[in-house]
Amino acid sequence: FMRMLPEGPKEIRYMWMSGARYRMEGR
């Protein structure tokens, strides 16, 4: 468990929003 998400030069690739998975290229 983590209270906050990992920090650093990681790239978010997918995120759920309103019931659908979105690719977050480059975020």
mmCIF file of all heavy atoms, coordinates in Angstrom:
data_MODEL
# 
_entry.id   MODEL 
# 
loop_
_atom_site.group_PDB 
_atom_site.id 
_atom_site.type_symbol 
_atom_site.label_atom_id 
_atom_site.label_alt_id 
_atom_site.label_comp_id 
_atom_site.label_asym_id 
_atom_site.label_entity_id 
_atom_site.label_seq_id 
_atom_site.pdbx_PDB_ins_code 
_atom_site.Cartn_x 
_atom_site.Cartn_y 
_atom_site.Cartn_z 
_atom_site.occupancy 
_atom_site.B_iso_or_equiv 
_atom_site.pdbx_formal_charge 
_atom_site.auth_seq_id 
_atom_site.auth_comp_id 
_atom_site.auth_asym_id 
_atom_site.auth_atom_id 
_atom_site.pdbx_PDB_model_num 
ATOM 1   N N   . PHE A 1 1  ? 0.836   -1.195 0.000   1.00 0.00 ? 1  PHE A N   1 
ATOM 2   C CA  . PHE A 1 1  ? 0.000   0.000  0.000   1.00 0.00 ? 1  PHE A CA  1 
ATOM 3   C C   . PHE A 1 1  ? 0.872   1.246  0.000   1.00 0.00 ? 1  PHE A C   1 
ATOM 4   O O   . PHE A 1 1  ? 1.940   1.266  0.605   1.00 0.00 ? 1  PHE A O   1 
ATOM 5   C CB  . PHE A 1 1  ? -0.907  0.033  1.234   1.00 0.00 ? 1  PHE A CB  1 
ATOM 6   C CG  . PHE A 1 1  ? -2.057  -0.925 1.128   1.00 0.00 ? 1  PHE A CG  1 
ATOM 7   C CD1 . PHE A 1 1  ? -2.041  -2.128 1.792   1.00 0.00 ? 1  PHE A CD1 1 
ATOM 8   C CD2 . PHE A 1 1  ? -3.148  -0.614 0.335   1.00 0.00 ? 1  PHE A CD2 1 
ATOM 9   C CE1 . PHE A 1 1  ? -3.094  -3.015 1.678   1.00 0.00 ? 1  PHE A CE1 1 
ATOM 10  C CE2 . PHE A 1 1  ? -4.211  -1.496 0.206   1.00 0.00 ? 1  PHE A CE2 1 
ATOM 11  C CZ  . PHE A 1 1  ? -4.183  -2.702 0.889   1.00 0.00 ? 1  PHE A CZ  1 
ATOM 12  N N   . MET A 1 2  ? 0.398   2.280  -0.707  1.00 0.00 ? 2  MET A N   1 
ATOM 13  C CA  . MET A 1 2  ? 1.079   3.572  -0.728  1.00 0.00 ? 2  MET A CA  1 
ATOM 14  C C   . MET A 1 2  ? 0.020   4.659  -0.616  1.00 0.00 ? 2  MET A C   1 
ATOM 15  O O   . MET A 1 2  ? -1.029  4.572  -1.254  1.00 0.00 ? 2  MET A O   1 
ATOM 16  C CB  . MET A 1 2  ? 1.854   3.765  -2.034  1.00 0.00 ? 2  MET A CB  1 
ATOM 17  C CG  . MET A 1 2  ? 2.988   2.802  -2.224  1.00 0.00 ? 2  MET A CG  1 
ATOM 18  S SD  . MET A 1 2  ? 3.887   3.122  -3.756  1.00 0.00 ? 2  MET A SD  1 
ATOM 19  C CE  . MET A 1 2  ? 4.858   4.534  -3.263  1.00 0.00 ? 2  MET A CE  1 
ATOM 20  N N   . ARG A 1 3  ? 0.313   5.656  0.192   1.00 0.00 ? 3  ARG A N   1 
ATOM 21  C CA  . ARG A 1 3  ? -0.614  6.783  0.304   1.00 0.00 ? 3  ARG A CA  1 
ATOM 22  C C   . ARG A 1 3  ? -0.551  7.660  -0.948  1.00 0.00 ? 3  ARG A C   1 
ATOM 23  O O   . ARG A 1 3  ? -1.541  8.204  -1.388  1.00 0.00 ? 3  ARG A O   1 
ATOM 24  C CB  . ARG A 1 3  ? -0.310  7.620  1.540   1.00 0.00 ? 3  ARG A CB  1 
ATOM 25  C CG  . ARG A 1 3  ? -0.600  6.885  2.815   1.00 0.00 ? 3  ARG A CG  1 
ATOM 26  C CD  . ARG A 1 3  ? -0.926  7.821  3.950   1.00 0.00 ? 3  ARG A CD  1 
ATOM 27  N NE  . ARG A 1 3  ? -1.140  7.070  5.172   1.00 0.00 ? 3  ARG A NE  1 
ATOM 28  C CZ  . ARG A 1 3  ? -2.276  6.454  5.479   1.00 0.00 ? 3  ARG A CZ  1 
ATOM 29  N NH1 . ARG A 1 3  ? -3.278  6.492  4.652   1.00 0.00 ? 3  ARG A NH1 1 
ATOM 30  N NH2 . ARG A 1 3  ? -2.399  5.783  6.595   1.00 0.00 ? 3  ARG A NH2 1 
ATOM 31  N N   . MET A 1 4  ? 0.650   7.793  -1.488  1.00 0.00 ? 4  MET A N   1 
ATOM 32  C CA  . MET A 1 4  ? 0.839   8.575  -2.712  1.00 0.00 ? 4  MET A CA  1 
ATOM 33  C C   . MET A 1 4  ? 1.497   7.667  -3.741  1.00 0.00 ? 4  MET A C   1 
ATOM 34  O O   . MET A 1 4  ? 2.217   6.752  -3.397  1.00 0.00 ? 4  MET A O   1 
ATOM 35  C CB  . MET A 1 4  ? 1.714   9.792  -2.433  1.00 0.00 ? 4  MET A CB  1 
ATOM 36  C CG  . MET A 1 4  ? 1.094   10.741 -1.417  1.00 0.00 ? 4  MET A CG  1 
ATOM 37  S SD  . MET A 1 4  ? 2.092   12.191 -1.139  1.00 0.00 ? 4  MET A SD  1 
ATOM 38  C CE  . MET A 1 4  ? 1.873   13.033 -2.682  1.00 0.00 ? 4  MET A CE  1 
ATOM 39  N N   . LEU A 1 5  ? 1.257   7.952  -5.000  1.00 0.00 ? 5  LEU A N   1 
ATOM 40  C CA  . LEU A 1 5  ? 1.839   7.144  -6.065  1.00 0.00 ? 5  LEU A CA  1 
ATOM 41  C C   . LEU A 1 5  ? 3.351   7.346  -6.143  1.00 0.00 ? 5  LEU A C   1 
ATOM 42  O O   . LEU A 1 5  ? 3.864   8.378  -5.719  1.00 0.00 ? 5  LEU A O   1 
ATOM 43  C CB  . LEU A 1 5  ? 1.191   7.510  -7.400  1.00 0.00 ? 5  LEU A CB  1 
ATOM 44  C CG  . LEU A 1 5  ? -0.271  7.108  -7.512  1.00 0.00 ? 5  LEU A CG  1 
ATOM 45  C CD1 . LEU A 1 5  ? -0.849  7.627  -8.814  1.00 0.00 ? 5  LEU A CD1 1 
ATOM 46  C CD2 . LEU A 1 5  ? -0.442  5.612  -7.408  1.00 0.00 ? 5  LEU A CD2 1 
ATOM 47  N N   . PRO A 1 6  ? 4.061   6.369  -6.708  1.00 0.00 ? 6  PRO A N   1 
ATOM 48  C CA  . PRO A 1 6  ? 5.517   6.489  -6.827  1.00 0.00 ? 6  PRO A CA  1 
ATOM 49  C C   . PRO A 1 6  ? 5.910   7.731  -7.610  1.00 0.00 ? 6  PRO A C   1 
ATOM 50  O O   . PRO A 1 6  ? 5.233   8.116  -8.562  1.00 0.00 ? 6  PRO A O   1 
ATOM 51  C CB  . PRO A 1 6  ? 5.920   5.231  -7.591  1.00 0.00 ? 6  PRO A CB  1 
ATOM 52  C CG  . PRO A 1 6  ? 4.744   4.353  -7.616  1.00 0.00 ? 6  PRO A CG  1 
ATOM 53  C CD  . PRO A 1 6  ? 3.543   5.159  -7.296  1.00 0.00 ? 6  PRO A CD  1 
ATOM 54  N N   . GLU A 1 7  ? 7.015   8.359  -7.219  1.00 0.00 ? 7  GLU A N   1 
ATOM 55  C CA  . GLU A 1 7  ? 7.490   9.553  -7.910  1.00 0.00 ? 7  GLU A CA  1 
ATOM 56  C C   . GLU A 1 7  ? 8.740   9.232  -8.707  1.00 0.00 ? 7  GLU A C   1 
ATOM 57  O O   . GLU A 1 7  ? 9.399   8.239  -8.473  1.00 0.00 ? 7  GLU A O   1 
ATOM 58  C CB  . GLU A 1 7  ? 7.796   10.650 -6.892  1.00 0.00 ? 7  GLU A CB  1 
ATOM 59  C CG  . GLU A 1 7  ? 6.552   11.161 -6.210  1.00 0.00 ? 7  GLU A CG  1 
ATOM 60  C CD  . GLU A 1 7  ? 6.836   12.342 -5.320  1.00 0.00 ? 7  GLU A CD  1 
ATOM 61  O OE1 . GLU A 1 7  ? 7.877   12.987 -5.497  1.00 0.00 ? 7  GLU A OE1 1 
ATOM 62  O OE2 . GLU A 1 7  ? 6.010   12.603 -4.442  1.00 0.00 ? 7  GLU A OE2 1 
ATOM 63  N N   . GLY A 1 8  ? 9.064   10.100 -9.619  1.00 0.00 ? 8  GLY A N   1 
ATOM 64  C CA  . GLY A 1 8  ? 10.269  9.928  -10.410 1.00 0.00 ? 8  GLY A CA  1 
ATOM 65  C C   . GLY A 1 8  ? 9.953   9.980  -11.896 1.00 0.00 ? 8  GLY A C   1 
ATOM 66  O O   . GLY A 1 8  ? 8.873   10.384 -12.297 1.00 0.00 ? 8  GLY A O   1 
ATOM 67  N N   . PRO A 1 9  ? 10.887  9.535  -12.719 1.00 0.00 ? 9  PRO A N   1 
ATOM 68  C CA  . PRO A 1 9  ? 10.716  9.654  -14.172 1.00 0.00 ? 9  PRO A CA  1 
ATOM 69  C C   . PRO A 1 9  ? 9.873   8.530  -14.770 1.00 0.00 ? 9  PRO A C   1 
ATOM 70  O O   . PRO A 1 9  ? 10.197  7.982  -15.793 1.00 0.00 ? 9  PRO A O   1 
ATOM 71  C CB  . PRO A 1 9  ? 12.158  9.596  -14.677 1.00 0.00 ? 9  PRO A CB  1 
ATOM 72  C CG  . PRO A 1 9  ? 12.830  8.700  -13.692 1.00 0.00 ? 9  PRO A CG  1 
ATOM 73  C CD  . PRO A 1 9  ? 12.191  9.030  -12.363 1.00 0.00 ? 9  PRO A CD  1 
ATOM 74  N N   . LYS A 1 10 ? 8.806   8.186  -14.101 1.00 0.00 ? 10 LYS A N   1 
ATOM 75  C CA  . LYS A 1 10 ? 7.938   7.130  -14.598 1.00 0.00 ? 10 LYS A CA  1 
ATOM 76  C C   . LYS A 1 10 ? 6.901   7.739  -15.523 1.00 0.00 ? 10 LYS A C   1 
ATOM 77  O O   . LYS A 1 10 ? 6.530   8.883  -15.391 1.00 0.00 ? 10 LYS A O   1 
ATOM 78  C CB  . LYS A 1 10 ? 7.266   6.420  -13.428 1.00 0.00 ? 10 LYS A CB  1 
ATOM 79  C CG  . LYS A 1 10 ? 8.268   5.792  -12.500 1.00 0.00 ? 10 LYS A CG  1 
ATOM 80  C CD  . LYS A 1 10 ? 7.619   5.438  -11.200 1.00 0.00 ? 10 LYS A CD  1 
ATOM 81  C CE  . LYS A 1 10 ? 8.653   5.078  -10.186 1.00 0.00 ? 10 LYS A CE  1 
ATOM 82  N NZ  . LYS A 1 10 ? 9.289   6.225  -9.607  1.00 0.00 ? 10 LYS A NZ  1 
ATOM 83  N N   . GLU A 1 11 ? 6.415   6.958  -16.419 1.00 0.00 ? 11 GLU A N   1 
ATOM 84  C CA  . GLU A 1 11 ? 5.444   7.450  -17.372 1.00 0.00 ? 11 GLU A CA  1 
ATOM 85  C C   . GLU A 1 11 ? 4.106   6.762  -17.149 1.00 0.00 ? 11 GLU A C   1 
ATOM 86  O O   . GLU A 1 11 ? 4.041   5.546  -17.065 1.00 0.00 ? 11 GLU A O   1 
ATOM 87  C CB  . GLU A 1 11 ? 5.939   7.163  -18.783 1.00 0.00 ? 11 GLU A CB  1 
ATOM 88  C CG  . GLU A 1 11 ? 5.532   8.231  -19.733 1.00 0.00 ? 11 GLU A CG  1 
ATOM 89  C CD  . GLU A 1 11 ? 6.215   8.060  -21.069 1.00 0.00 ? 11 GLU A CD  1 
ATOM 90  O OE1 . GLU A 1 11 ? 7.429   7.826  -21.089 1.00 0.00 ? 11 GLU A OE1 1 
ATOM 91  O OE2 . GLU A 1 11 ? 5.512   8.176  -22.066 1.00 0.00 ? 11 GLU A OE2 1 
ATOM 92  N N   . ILE A 1 12 ? 3.067   7.541  -17.045 1.00 0.00 ? 12 ILE A N   1 
ATOM 93  C CA  . ILE A 1 12 ? 1.724   6.986  -16.916 1.00 0.00 ? 12 ILE A CA  1 
ATOM 94  C C   . ILE A 1 12 ? 1.301   6.519  -18.304 1.00 0.00 ? 12 ILE A C   1 
ATOM 95  O O   . ILE A 1 12 ? 1.315   7.300  -19.248 1.00 0.00 ? 12 ILE A O   1 
ATOM 96  C CB  . ILE A 1 12 ? 0.728   8.035  -16.376 1.00 0.00 ? 12 ILE A CB  1 
ATOM 97  C CG1 . ILE A 1 12 ? 1.128   8.447  -14.964 1.00 0.00 ? 12 ILE A CG1 1 
ATOM 98  C CG2 . ILE A 1 12 ? -0.697  7.498  -16.417 1.00 0.00 ? 12 ILE A CG2 1 
ATOM 99  C CD1 . ILE A 1 12 ? 0.294   9.576  -14.399 1.00 0.00 ? 12 ILE A CD1 1 
ATOM 100 N N   . ARG A 1 13 ? 0.945   5.256  -18.429 1.00 0.00 ? 13 ARG A N   1 
ATOM 101 C CA  . ARG A 1 13 ? 0.553   4.715  -19.729 1.00 0.00 ? 13 ARG A CA  1 
ATOM 102 C C   . ARG A 1 13 ? -0.955  4.573  -19.876 1.00 0.00 ? 13 ARG A C   1 
ATOM 103 O O   . ARG A 1 13 ? -1.481  4.759  -20.951 1.00 0.00 ? 13 ARG A O   1 
ATOM 104 C CB  . ARG A 1 13 ? 1.203   3.350  -19.948 1.00 0.00 ? 13 ARG A CB  1 
ATOM 105 C CG  . ARG A 1 13 ? 2.687   3.443  -20.106 1.00 0.00 ? 13 ARG A CG  1 
ATOM 106 C CD  . ARG A 1 13 ? 3.018   4.186  -21.363 1.00 0.00 ? 13 ARG A CD  1 
ATOM 107 N NE  . ARG A 1 13 ? 4.450   4.113  -21.592 1.00 0.00 ? 13 ARG A NE  1 
ATOM 108 C CZ  . ARG A 1 13 ? 5.029   4.466  -22.696 1.00 0.00 ? 13 ARG A CZ  1 
ATOM 109 N NH1 . ARG A 1 13 ? 4.323   4.942  -23.679 1.00 0.00 ? 13 ARG A NH1 1 
ATOM 110 N NH2 . ARG A 1 13 ? 6.315   4.371  -22.834 1.00 0.00 ? 13 ARG A NH2 1 
ATOM 111 N N   . TYR A 1 14 ? -1.642  4.179  -18.817 1.00 0.00 ? 14 TYR A N   1 
ATOM 112 C CA  . TYR A 1 14 ? -3.086  3.993  -18.895 1.00 0.00 ? 14 TYR A CA  1 
ATOM 113 C C   . TYR A 1 14 ? -3.731  4.555  -17.644 1.00 0.00 ? 14 TYR A C   1 
ATOM 114 O O   . TYR A 1 14 ? -3.154  4.529  -16.571 1.00 0.00 ? 14 TYR A O   1 
ATOM 115 C CB  . TYR A 1 14 ? -3.447  2.506  -18.982 1.00 0.00 ? 14 TYR A CB  1 
ATOM 116 C CG  . TYR A 1 14 ? -2.923  1.815  -20.190 1.00 0.00 ? 14 TYR A CG  1 
ATOM 117 C CD1 . TYR A 1 14 ? -1.704  1.151  -20.158 1.00 0.00 ? 14 TYR A CD1 1 
ATOM 118 C CD2 . TYR A 1 14 ? -3.639  1.820  -21.380 1.00 0.00 ? 14 TYR A CD2 1 
ATOM 119 C CE1 . TYR A 1 14 ? -1.210  0.506  -21.276 1.00 0.00 ? 14 TYR A CE1 1 
ATOM 120 C CE2 . TYR A 1 14 ? -3.154  1.181  -22.510 1.00 0.00 ? 14 TYR A CE2 1 
ATOM 121 C CZ  . TYR A 1 14 ? -1.948  0.516  -22.443 1.00 0.00 ? 14 TYR A CZ  1 
ATOM 122 O OH  . TYR A 1 14 ? -1.450  -0.110 -23.550 1.00 0.00 ? 14 TYR A OH  1 
ATOM 123 N N   . MET A 1 15 ? -4.935  5.043  -17.788 1.00 0.00 ? 15 MET A N   1 
ATOM 124 C CA  . MET A 1 15 ? -5.674  5.531  -16.628 1.00 0.00 ? 15 MET A CA  1 
ATOM 125 C C   . MET A 1 15 ? -7.158  5.305  -16.901 1.00 0.00 ? 15 MET A C   1 
ATOM 126 O O   . MET A 1 15 ? -7.627  5.488  -18.020 1.00 0.00 ? 15 MET A O   1 
ATOM 127 C CB  . MET A 1 15 ? -5.402  7.009  -16.383 1.00 0.00 ? 15 MET A CB  1 
ATOM 128 C CG  . MET A 1 15 ? -6.132  7.579  -15.182 1.00 0.00 ? 15 MET A CG  1 
ATOM 129 S SD  . MET A 1 15 ? -5.758  9.334  -14.928 1.00 0.00 ? 15 MET A SD  1 
ATOM 130 C CE  . MET A 1 15 ? -4.156  9.226  -14.194 1.00 0.00 ? 15 MET A CE  1 
ATOM 131 N N   . TRP A 1 16 ? -7.871  4.908  -15.870 1.00 0.00 ? 16 TRP A N   1 
ATOM 132 C CA  . TRP A 1 16 ? -9.316  4.745  -15.978 1.00 0.00 ? 16 TRP A CA  1 
ATOM 133 C C   . TRP A 1 16 ? -9.982  6.080  -15.735 1.00 0.00 ? 16 TRP A C   1 
ATOM 134 O O   . TRP A 1 16 ? -9.683  6.763  -14.776 1.00 0.00 ? 16 TRP A O   1 
ATOM 135 C CB  . TRP A 1 16 ? -9.834  3.757  -14.934 1.00 0.00 ? 16 TRP A CB  1 
ATOM 136 C CG  . TRP A 1 16 ? -9.739  2.347  -15.365 1.00 0.00 ? 16 TRP A CG  1 
ATOM 137 C CD1 . TRP A 1 16 ? -8.824  1.432  -14.933 1.00 0.00 ? 16 TRP A CD1 1 
ATOM 138 C CD2 . TRP A 1 16 ? -10.557 1.679  -16.306 1.00 0.00 ? 16 TRP A CD2 1 
ATOM 139 N NE1 . TRP A 1 16 ? -9.024  0.238  -15.552 1.00 0.00 ? 16 TRP A NE1 1 
ATOM 140 C CE2 . TRP A 1 16 ? -10.090 0.361  -16.406 1.00 0.00 ? 16 TRP A CE2 1 
ATOM 141 C CE3 . TRP A 1 16 ? -11.634 2.062  -17.096 1.00 0.00 ? 16 TRP A CE3 1 
ATOM 142 C CZ2 . TRP A 1 16 ? -10.669 -0.571 -17.250 1.00 0.00 ? 16 TRP A CZ2 1 
ATOM 143 C CZ3 . TRP A 1 16 ? -12.210 1.119  -17.929 1.00 0.00 ? 16 TRP A CZ3 1 
ATOM 144 C CH2 . TRP A 1 16 ? -11.728 -0.172 -17.997 1.00 0.00 ? 16 TRP A CH2 1 
ATOM 145 N N   . MET A 1 17 ? -10.890 6.461  -16.607 1.00 0.00 ? 17 MET A N   1 
ATOM 146 C CA  . MET A 1 17 ? -11.691 7.672  -16.421 1.00 0.00 ? 17 MET A CA  1 
ATOM 147 C C   . MET A 1 17 ? -13.101 7.367  -16.892 1.00 0.00 ? 17 MET A C   1 
ATOM 148 O O   . MET A 1 17 ? -13.282 6.900  -18.017 1.00 0.00 ? 17 MET A O   1 
ATOM 149 C CB  . MET A 1 17 ? -11.139 8.837  -17.249 1.00 0.00 ? 17 MET A CB  1 
ATOM 150 C CG  . MET A 1 17 ? -9.824  9.359  -16.806 1.00 0.00 ? 17 MET A CG  1 
ATOM 151 S SD  . MET A 1 17 ? -9.389  10.752 -17.856 1.00 0.00 ? 17 MET A SD  1 
ATOM 152 C CE  . MET A 1 17 ? -7.633  10.737 -17.661 1.00 0.00 ? 17 MET A CE  1 
ATOM 153 N N   . SER A 1 18 ? -14.048 7.608  -16.054 1.00 0.00 ? 18 SER A N   1 
ATOM 154 C CA  . SER A 1 18 ? -15.464 7.412  -16.402 1.00 0.00 ? 18 SER A CA  1 
ATOM 155 C C   . SER A 1 18 ? -15.733 6.037  -16.993 1.00 0.00 ? 18 SER A C   1 
ATOM 156 O O   . SER A 1 18 ? -16.446 5.893  -17.982 1.00 0.00 ? 18 SER A O   1 
ATOM 157 C CB  . SER A 1 18 ? -15.918 8.491  -17.389 1.00 0.00 ? 18 SER A CB  1 
ATOM 158 O OG  . SER A 1 18 ? -15.705 9.763  -16.852 1.00 0.00 ? 18 SER A OG  1 
ATOM 159 N N   . GLY A 1 19 ? -15.124 5.011  -16.403 1.00 0.00 ? 19 GLY A N   1 
ATOM 160 C CA  . GLY A 1 19 ? -15.400 3.643  -16.814 1.00 0.00 ? 19 GLY A CA  1 
ATOM 161 C C   . GLY A 1 19 ? -14.685 3.157  -18.054 1.00 0.00 ? 19 GLY A C   1 
ATOM 162 O O   . GLY A 1 19 ? -14.956 2.062  -18.529 1.00 0.00 ? 19 GLY A O   1 
ATOM 163 N N   . ALA A 1 20 ? -13.752 3.943  -18.619 1.00 0.00 ? 20 ALA A N   1 
ATOM 164 C CA  . ALA A 1 20 ? -13.015 3.511  -19.806 1.00 0.00 ? 20 ALA A CA  1 
ATOM 165 C C   . ALA A 1 20 ? -11.515 3.705  -19.581 1.00 0.00 ? 20 ALA A C   1 
ATOM 166 O O   . ALA A 1 20 ? -11.097 4.625  -18.892 1.00 0.00 ? 20 ALA A O   1 
ATOM 167 C CB  . ALA A 1 20 ? -13.454 4.320  -21.018 1.00 0.00 ? 20 ALA A CB  1 
ATOM 168 N N   . ARG A 1 21 ? -10.709 2.815  -20.172 1.00 0.00 ? 21 ARG A N   1 
ATOM 169 C CA  . ARG A 1 21 ? -9.259  2.904  -20.038 1.00 0.00 ? 21 ARG A CA  1 
ATOM 170 C C   . ARG A 1 21 ? -8.721  3.777  -21.169 1.00 0.00 ? 21 ARG A C   1 
ATOM 171 O O   . ARG A 1 21 ? -9.011  3.545  -22.327 1.00 0.00 ? 21 ARG A O   1 
ATOM 172 C CB  . ARG A 1 21 ? -8.629  1.517  -20.100 1.00 0.00 ? 21 ARG A CB  1 
ATOM 173 C CG  . ARG A 1 21 ? -7.141  1.524  -19.817 1.00 0.00 ? 21 ARG A CG  1 
ATOM 174 C CD  . ARG A 1 21 ? -6.535  0.140  -19.933 1.00 0.00 ? 21 ARG A CD  1 
ATOM 175 N NE  . ARG A 1 21 ? -7.147  -0.830 -19.066 1.00 0.00 ? 21 ARG A NE  1 
ATOM 176 C CZ  . ARG A 1 21 ? -6.776  -1.058 -17.805 1.00 0.00 ? 21 ARG A CZ  1 
ATOM 177 N NH1 . ARG A 1 21 ? -5.799  -0.387 -17.276 1.00 0.00 ? 21 ARG A NH1 1 
ATOM 178 N NH2 . ARG A 1 21 ? -7.390  -1.959 -17.081 1.00 0.00 ? 21 ARG A NH2 1 
ATOM 179 N N   . TYR A 1 22 ? -7.948  4.786  -20.821 1.00 0.00 ? 22 TYR A N   1 
ATOM 180 C CA  . TYR A 1 22 ? -7.354  5.694  -21.803 1.00 0.00 ? 22 TYR A CA  1 
ATOM 181 C C   . TYR A 1 22 ? -5.839  5.548  -21.793 1.00 0.00 ? 22 TYR A C   1 
ATOM 182 O O   . TYR A 1 22 ? -5.229  5.466  -20.733 1.00 0.00 ? 22 TYR A O   1 
ATOM 183 C CB  . TYR A 1 22 ? -7.704  7.155  -21.481 1.00 0.00 ? 22 TYR A CB  1 
ATOM 184 C CG  . TYR A 1 22 ? -9.168  7.458  -21.676 1.00 0.00 ? 22 TYR A CG  1 
ATOM 185 C CD1 . TYR A 1 22 ? -10.052 7.359  -20.620 1.00 0.00 ? 22 TYR A CD1 1 
ATOM 186 C CD2 . TYR A 1 22 ? -9.646  7.829  -22.925 1.00 0.00 ? 22 TYR A CD2 1 
ATOM 187 C CE1 . TYR A 1 22 ? -11.396 7.625  -20.798 1.00 0.00 ? 22 TYR A CE1 1 
ATOM 188 C CE2 . TYR A 1 22 ? -10.984 8.107  -23.120 1.00 0.00 ? 22 TYR A CE2 1 
ATOM 189 C CZ  . TYR A 1 22 ? -11.856 8.002  -22.052 1.00 0.00 ? 22 TYR A CZ  1 
ATOM 190 O OH  . TYR A 1 22 ? -13.182 8.264  -22.229 1.00 0.00 ? 22 TYR A OH  1 
ATOM 191 N N   . ARG A 1 23 ? -5.252  5.531  -22.965 1.00 0.00 ? 23 ARG A N   1 
ATOM 192 C CA  . ARG A 1 23 ? -3.792  5.500  -23.071 1.00 0.00 ? 23 ARG A CA  1 
ATOM 193 C C   . ARG A 1 23 ? -3.296  6.923  -22.880 1.00 0.00 ? 23 ARG A C   1 
ATOM 194 O O   . ARG A 1 23 ? -3.764  7.834  -23.558 1.00 0.00 ? 23 ARG A O   1 
ATOM 195 C CB  . ARG A 1 23 ? -3.367  4.960  -24.428 1.00 0.00 ? 23 ARG A CB  1 
ATOM 196 C CG  . ARG A 1 23 ? -1.869  4.785  -24.516 1.00 0.00 ? 23 ARG A CG  1 
ATOM 197 C CD  . ARG A 1 23 ? -1.519  3.810  -25.629 1.00 0.00 ? 23 ARG A CD  1 
ATOM 198 N NE  . ARG A 1 23 ? -0.106  3.658  -25.769 1.00 0.00 ? 23 ARG A NE  1 
ATOM 199 C CZ  . ARG A 1 23 ? 0.645   2.864  -25.043 1.00 0.00 ? 23 ARG A CZ  1 
ATOM 200 N NH1 . ARG A 1 23 ? 0.099   2.101  -24.130 1.00 0.00 ? 23 ARG A NH1 1 
ATOM 201 N NH2 . ARG A 1 23 ? 1.946   2.787  -25.243 1.00 0.00 ? 23 ARG A NH2 1 
ATOM 202 N N   . MET A 1 24 ? -2.361  7.113  -21.974 1.00 0.00 ? 24 MET A N   1 
ATOM 203 C CA  . MET A 1 24 ? -1.851  8.442  -21.628 1.00 0.00 ? 24 MET A CA  1 
ATOM 204 C C   . MET A 1 24 ? -0.420  8.594  -22.159 1.00 0.00 ? 24 MET A C   1 
ATOM 205 O O   . MET A 1 24 ? 0.510   8.767  -21.398 1.00 0.00 ? 24 MET A O   1 
ATOM 206 C CB  . MET A 1 24 ? -1.877  8.637  -20.102 1.00 0.00 ? 24 MET A CB  1 
ATOM 207 C CG  . MET A 1 24 ? -3.199  8.291  -19.449 1.00 0.00 ? 24 MET A CG  1 
ATOM 208 S SD  . MET A 1 24 ? -4.516  9.407  -19.918 1.00 0.00 ? 24 MET A SD  1 
ATOM 209 C CE  . MET A 1 24 ? -4.064  10.838 -18.991 1.00 0.00 ? 24 MET A CE  1 
ATOM 210 N N   . GLU A 1 25 ? -0.231  8.470  -23.427 1.00 0.00 ? 25 GLU A N   1 
ATOM 211 C CA  . GLU A 1 25 ? 1.097   8.503  -24.036 1.00 0.00 ? 25 GLU A CA  1 
ATOM 212 C C   . GLU A 1 25 ? 1.815   9.810  -23.697 1.00 0.00 ? 25 GLU A C   1 
ATOM 213 O O   . GLU A 1 25 ? 1.275   10.886 -23.897 1.00 0.00 ? 25 GLU A O   1 
ATOM 214 C CB  . GLU A 1 25 ? 0.979   8.374  -25.556 1.00 0.00 ? 25 GLU A CB  1 
ATOM 215 C CG  . GLU A 1 25 ? 2.282   8.048  -26.229 1.00 0.00 ? 25 GLU A CG  1 
ATOM 216 C CD  . GLU A 1 25 ? 2.767   6.658  -25.861 1.00 0.00 ? 25 GLU A CD  1 
ATOM 217 O OE1 . GLU A 1 25 ? 2.014   5.699  -26.046 1.00 0.00 ? 25 GLU A OE1 1 
ATOM 218 O OE2 . GLU A 1 25 ? 3.904   6.544  -25.404 1.00 0.00 ? 25 GLU A OE2 1 
ATOM 219 N N   . GLY A 1 26 ? 3.032   9.675  -23.154 1.00 0.00 ? 26 GLY A N   1 
ATOM 220 C CA  . GLY A 1 26 ? 3.861   10.847 -22.908 1.00 0.00 ? 26 GLY A CA  1 
ATOM 221 C C   . GLY A 1 26 ? 3.556   11.639 -21.662 1.00 0.00 ? 26 GLY A C   1 
ATOM 222 O O   . GLY A 1 26 ? 4.264   12.574 -21.348 1.00 0.00 ? 26 GLY A O   1 
ATOM 223 N N   . ARG A 1 27 ? 2.501   11.294 -20.931 1.00 0.00 ? 27 ARG A N   1 
ATOM 224 C CA  . ARG A 1 27 ? 2.180   12.025 -19.710 1.00 0.00 ? 27 ARG A CA  1 
ATOM 225 C C   . ARG A 1 27 ? 3.176   11.657 -18.625 1.00 0.00 ? 27 ARG A C   1 
ATOM 226 O O   . ARG A 1 27 ? 3.386   10.497 -18.347 1.00 0.00 ? 27 ARG A O   1 
ATOM 227 C CB  . ARG A 1 27 ? 0.768   11.670 -19.209 1.00 0.00 ? 27 ARG A CB  1 
ATOM 228 C CG  . ARG A 1 27 ? -0.354  12.103 -20.080 1.00 0.00 ? 27 ARG A CG  1 
ATOM 229 C CD  . ARG A 1 27 ? -0.798  13.532 -19.824 1.00 0.00 ? 27 ARG A CD  1 
ATOM 230 N NE  . ARG A 1 27 ? -0.968  13.858 -18.441 1.00 0.00 ? 27 ARG A NE  1 
ATOM 231 C CZ  . ARG A 1 27 ? -2.123  13.896 -17.792 1.00 0.00 ? 27 ARG A CZ  1 
ATOM 232 N NH1 . ARG A 1 27 ? -3.226  13.585 -18.405 1.00 0.00 ? 27 ARG A NH1 1 
ATOM 233 N NH2 . ARG A 1 27 ? -2.171  14.255 -16.535 1.00 0.00 ? 27 ARG A NH2 1 
# 
